[in-house]
């Protein structure tokens, strides 16, 4: 009963705000007429919302799981090698995907291969044991019921930047104040546990 109530609250009050907020961040960051690959797109709802804000933008998705409902075209792939040519898209997009992967650096490297201009990332920052526990709890609420693996591969800010340096991409912008949750929830689940970064692949 408690789990159902938490899921209902999340779906009613948290998820719609998250979709709107992140779609706005993404839409504001994309250049005119951008072609975008949404990696780990899920059902594509955020991508669809981005395109409703930016009709000039075209987004297609890839994922390792097939969803019953899809809002954009989603290609199933092996989670390692993207089935696209070098620099086929203007941008690659990850929304809360990379911490579910076993090798973040290699997944990012593959995104840099297919993205001509930029990689956009929404993910988490983990600087303490408390951060890890809060992030794991959020992951459980948002993903367990969909059968998504939760390896808790949360990185600190320094570790993220090590990954970026390894694949030779440059941080063009960085935002840790996303306000995904209404007050007072943002004081616990927001703070600086989230970031939205734009990486230049040029």
Protein backbone atom coordinates (compact mmCIF):
# COMPACT_ATOMS: atom_id res chain seq x y z
CA UNK A 1 0.00 0.00 0.00
CA UNK A 2 2.80 2.44 0.92
CA UNK A 3 4.65 1.71 -2.34
CA UNK A 4 1.45 2.34 -4.33
CA UNK A 5 0.88 5.64 -2.55
CA UNK A 6 4.48 6.74 -3.21
CA UNK A 7 4.15 5.78 -6.88
CA UNK A 8 0.86 7.69 -7.14
CA UNK A 9 2.37 10.80 -5.54
CA UNK A 10 5.42 10.59 -7.82
CA UNK A 11 3.34 10.17 -10.97
CA UNK A 12 0.91 12.95 -10.01
CA UNK A 13 3.10 15.66 -8.55
CA UNK A 14 6.77 14.92 -9.35
CA UNK A 15 6.95 13.33 -12.79
CA UNK A 16 5.01 15.99 -14.78
CA UNK A 17 7.12 18.78 -13.25
CA UNK A 18 10.31 16.84 -14.03
CA UNK A 19 9.29 16.34 -17.66
CA UNK A 20 8.46 20.04 -18.15
CA UNK A 21 11.60 21.29 -16.41
CA UNK A 22 14.01 18.99 -18.23
CA UNK A 23 12.35 19.48 -21.61
CA UNK A 24 12.76 23.24 -21.19
CA UNK A 25 16.45 22.87 -20.28
CA UNK A 26 17.05 20.68 -23.31
CA UNK A 27 15.04 22.85 -25.69
CA UNK A 28 16.95 25.97 -24.60
CA UNK A 29 20.32 24.27 -25.16
CA UNK A 30 19.77 22.94 -28.69
CA UNK A 31 20.83 24.87 -31.82
CA UNK A 32 18.31 25.65 -34.59
CA UNK A 33 17.05 22.69 -36.63
CA UNK A 34 19.05 20.21 -34.54
CA UNK A 35 18.90 16.48 -35.13
CA UNK A 36 19.14 14.67 -31.79
CA UNK A 37 19.70 11.09 -30.68
CA UNK A 38 18.06 10.41 -27.31
CA UNK A 39 20.10 7.56 -25.82
CA UNK A 40 18.11 5.56 -23.28
CA UNK A 41 14.97 7.31 -24.46
CA UNK A 42 12.49 5.10 -22.60
CA UNK A 43 9.05 5.92 -23.99
CA UNK A 44 10.29 9.20 -25.45
CA UNK A 45 7.94 11.48 -23.49
CA UNK A 46 10.63 14.04 -22.65
CA UNK A 47 11.79 14.08 -26.28
CA UNK A 48 8.22 14.63 -27.46
CA UNK A 49 7.84 17.51 -25.01
CA UNK A 50 11.10 19.05 -26.27
CA UNK A 51 9.79 18.91 -29.84
CA UNK A 52 6.51 20.56 -28.75
CA UNK A 53 8.60 23.47 -27.42
CA UNK A 54 11.02 23.41 -30.38
CA UNK A 55 9.16 22.27 -33.54
CA UNK A 56 12.36 22.82 -35.56
CA UNK A 57 14.12 20.02 -33.65
CA UNK A 58 14.00 16.34 -34.67
CA UNK A 59 14.63 13.63 -32.05
CA UNK A 60 14.84 9.87 -32.41
CA UNK A 61 15.61 7.41 -29.64
CA UNK A 62 17.53 4.26 -28.81
CA UNK A 63 17.09 2.04 -25.78
CA UNK A 64 17.84 -1.46 -24.57
CA UNK A 65 14.20 -2.06 -23.60
CA UNK A 66 11.03 -1.88 -25.68
CA UNK A 67 8.17 0.07 -24.10
CA UNK A 68 4.50 -0.63 -24.75
CA UNK A 69 3.87 3.06 -25.46
CA UNK A 70 6.39 5.15 -27.42
CA UNK A 71 6.06 8.87 -28.16
CA UNK A 72 8.97 8.96 -30.61
CA UNK A 73 10.61 6.32 -32.86
CA UNK A 74 12.87 4.17 -30.62
CA UNK A 75 15.43 1.71 -31.97
CA UNK A 76 16.44 -1.19 -29.73
CA UNK A 77 20.23 -1.65 -29.42
CA UNK A 78 22.73 -3.58 -27.33
CA UNK A 79 23.62 -0.74 -24.97
CA UNK A 80 27.19 -0.58 -26.28
CA UNK A 81 27.51 0.23 -29.98
CA UNK A 82 25.12 2.79 -31.43
CA UNK A 83 23.80 1.65 -34.84
CA UNK A 84 24.56 4.99 -36.50
CA UNK A 85 27.36 6.56 -38.51
CA UNK A 86 29.98 8.97 -37.19
CA UNK A 87 28.61 12.50 -36.66
CA UNK A 88 25.18 11.47 -37.93
CA UNK A 89 23.39 13.72 -35.40
CA UNK A 90 23.94 17.28 -34.24
CA UNK A 91 23.53 16.27 -30.60
CA UNK A 92 23.25 13.25 -28.32
CA UNK A 93 21.07 13.30 -25.22
CA UNK A 94 21.11 11.34 -21.94
CA UNK A 95 18.41 11.89 -19.32
CA UNK A 96 19.12 9.95 -16.10
CA UNK A 97 20.62 7.09 -18.10
CA UNK A 98 24.34 7.00 -17.53
CA UNK A 99 24.21 5.98 -13.86
CA UNK A 100 22.39 2.82 -15.03
CA UNK A 101 25.32 1.81 -17.25
CA UNK A 102 28.32 -0.26 -16.11
CA UNK A 103 30.87 1.81 -18.05
CA UNK A 104 29.92 5.48 -18.26
CA UNK A 105 33.07 6.56 -20.08
CA UNK A 106 32.62 4.10 -22.95
CA UNK A 107 28.93 4.95 -23.38
CA UNK A 108 29.87 8.64 -23.50
CA UNK A 109 32.65 7.91 -26.01
CA UNK A 110 30.13 6.26 -28.33
CA UNK A 111 27.80 9.25 -27.98
CA UNK A 112 30.67 11.57 -28.89
CA UNK A 113 31.26 9.49 -32.02
CA UNK A 114 27.74 10.05 -33.39
CA UNK A 115 27.23 13.63 -32.13
CA UNK A 116 28.59 16.37 -34.39
CA UNK A 117 28.31 19.29 -31.96
CA UNK A 118 27.25 18.42 -28.43
CA UNK A 119 26.19 15.93 -25.77
CA UNK A 120 23.48 16.95 -23.33
CA UNK A 121 23.40 15.16 -19.97
CA UNK A 122 20.98 15.17 -17.08
CA UNK A 123 22.29 12.96 -14.29
CA UNK A 124 23.21 12.83 -10.60
CA UNK A 125 26.01 14.03 -8.35
CA UNK A 126 27.04 11.86 -5.42
CA UNK A 127 29.43 13.37 -2.89
CA UNK A 128 28.58 11.39 0.27
CA UNK A 129 27.02 8.24 1.71
CA UNK A 130 23.83 10.20 2.41
CA UNK A 131 23.70 11.32 -1.24
CA UNK A 132 24.02 7.70 -2.36
CA UNK A 133 21.17 6.58 -0.11
CA UNK A 134 18.85 9.36 -1.28
CA UNK A 135 19.68 8.73 -4.94
CA UNK A 136 19.12 4.98 -4.56
CA UNK A 137 15.73 5.63 -2.95
CA UNK A 138 14.74 7.96 -5.80
CA UNK A 139 15.88 5.39 -8.35
CA UNK A 140 13.83 2.73 -6.63
CA UNK A 141 10.65 4.82 -6.80
CA UNK A 142 11.17 5.89 -10.38
CA UNK A 143 12.54 2.74 -12.00
CA UNK A 144 12.14 -0.55 -10.13
CA UNK A 145 8.52 -1.05 -11.21
CA UNK A 146 9.63 -0.79 -14.85
CA UNK A 147 12.29 -3.51 -14.46
CA UNK A 148 15.19 -1.06 -14.90
CA UNK A 149 18.53 -2.14 -13.38
CA UNK A 150 19.78 0.06 -10.55
CA UNK A 151 23.55 -0.50 -10.22
CA UNK A 152 23.91 2.74 -8.19
CA UNK A 153 26.76 3.88 -10.42
CA UNK A 154 26.57 7.44 -9.09
CA UNK A 155 29.60 9.67 -9.67
CA UNK A 156 30.97 12.71 -7.89
CA UNK A 157 31.47 15.93 -9.82
CA UNK A 158 35.21 15.23 -9.99
CA UNK A 159 34.58 11.74 -11.41
CA UNK A 160 32.25 13.13 -14.08
CA UNK A 161 34.90 15.58 -15.18
CA UNK A 162 37.48 12.79 -15.33
CA UNK A 163 35.17 10.97 -17.75
CA UNK A 164 34.81 14.09 -19.88
CA UNK A 165 38.57 14.64 -19.96
CA UNK A 166 39.13 11.00 -20.95
CA UNK A 167 36.95 11.23 -24.05
CA UNK A 168 38.17 14.78 -24.80
CA UNK A 169 34.91 16.69 -24.62
CA UNK A 170 34.62 20.18 -23.14
CA UNK A 171 31.99 21.38 -20.65
CA UNK A 172 30.19 24.27 -22.35
CA UNK A 173 27.61 24.81 -19.60
CA UNK A 174 26.75 23.27 -16.22
CA UNK A 175 23.68 23.73 -14.01
CA UNK A 176 23.18 22.16 -10.58
CA UNK A 177 20.06 24.16 -9.60
CA UNK A 178 17.36 22.45 -11.64
CA UNK A 179 14.49 22.75 -9.11
CA UNK A 180 12.88 19.50 -10.20
CA UNK A 181 10.82 19.26 -7.01
CA UNK A 182 8.42 21.64 -5.28
CA UNK A 183 9.42 22.99 -1.89
CA UNK A 184 10.06 21.60 0.67
CA UNK A 185 10.89 18.37 -1.24
CA UNK A 186 13.61 20.13 -3.21
CA UNK A 187 15.56 20.67 0.01
CA UNK A 188 15.91 16.88 0.38
CA UNK A 189 15.72 15.43 -3.12
CA UNK A 190 16.96 18.41 -5.11
CA UNK A 191 19.77 20.38 -3.50
CA UNK A 192 22.86 19.58 -5.61
CA UNK A 193 22.08 15.94 -6.37
CA UNK A 194 21.27 16.72 -10.02
CA UNK A 195 23.01 18.44 -12.90
CA UNK A 196 22.33 19.37 -16.48
CA UNK A 197 25.48 19.69 -18.56
CA UNK A 198 26.17 20.57 -22.17
CA UNK A 199 29.40 19.11 -23.57
CA UNK A 200 31.03 20.29 -26.76
CA UNK A 201 32.26 17.49 -29.03
CA UNK A 202 34.05 19.86 -31.41
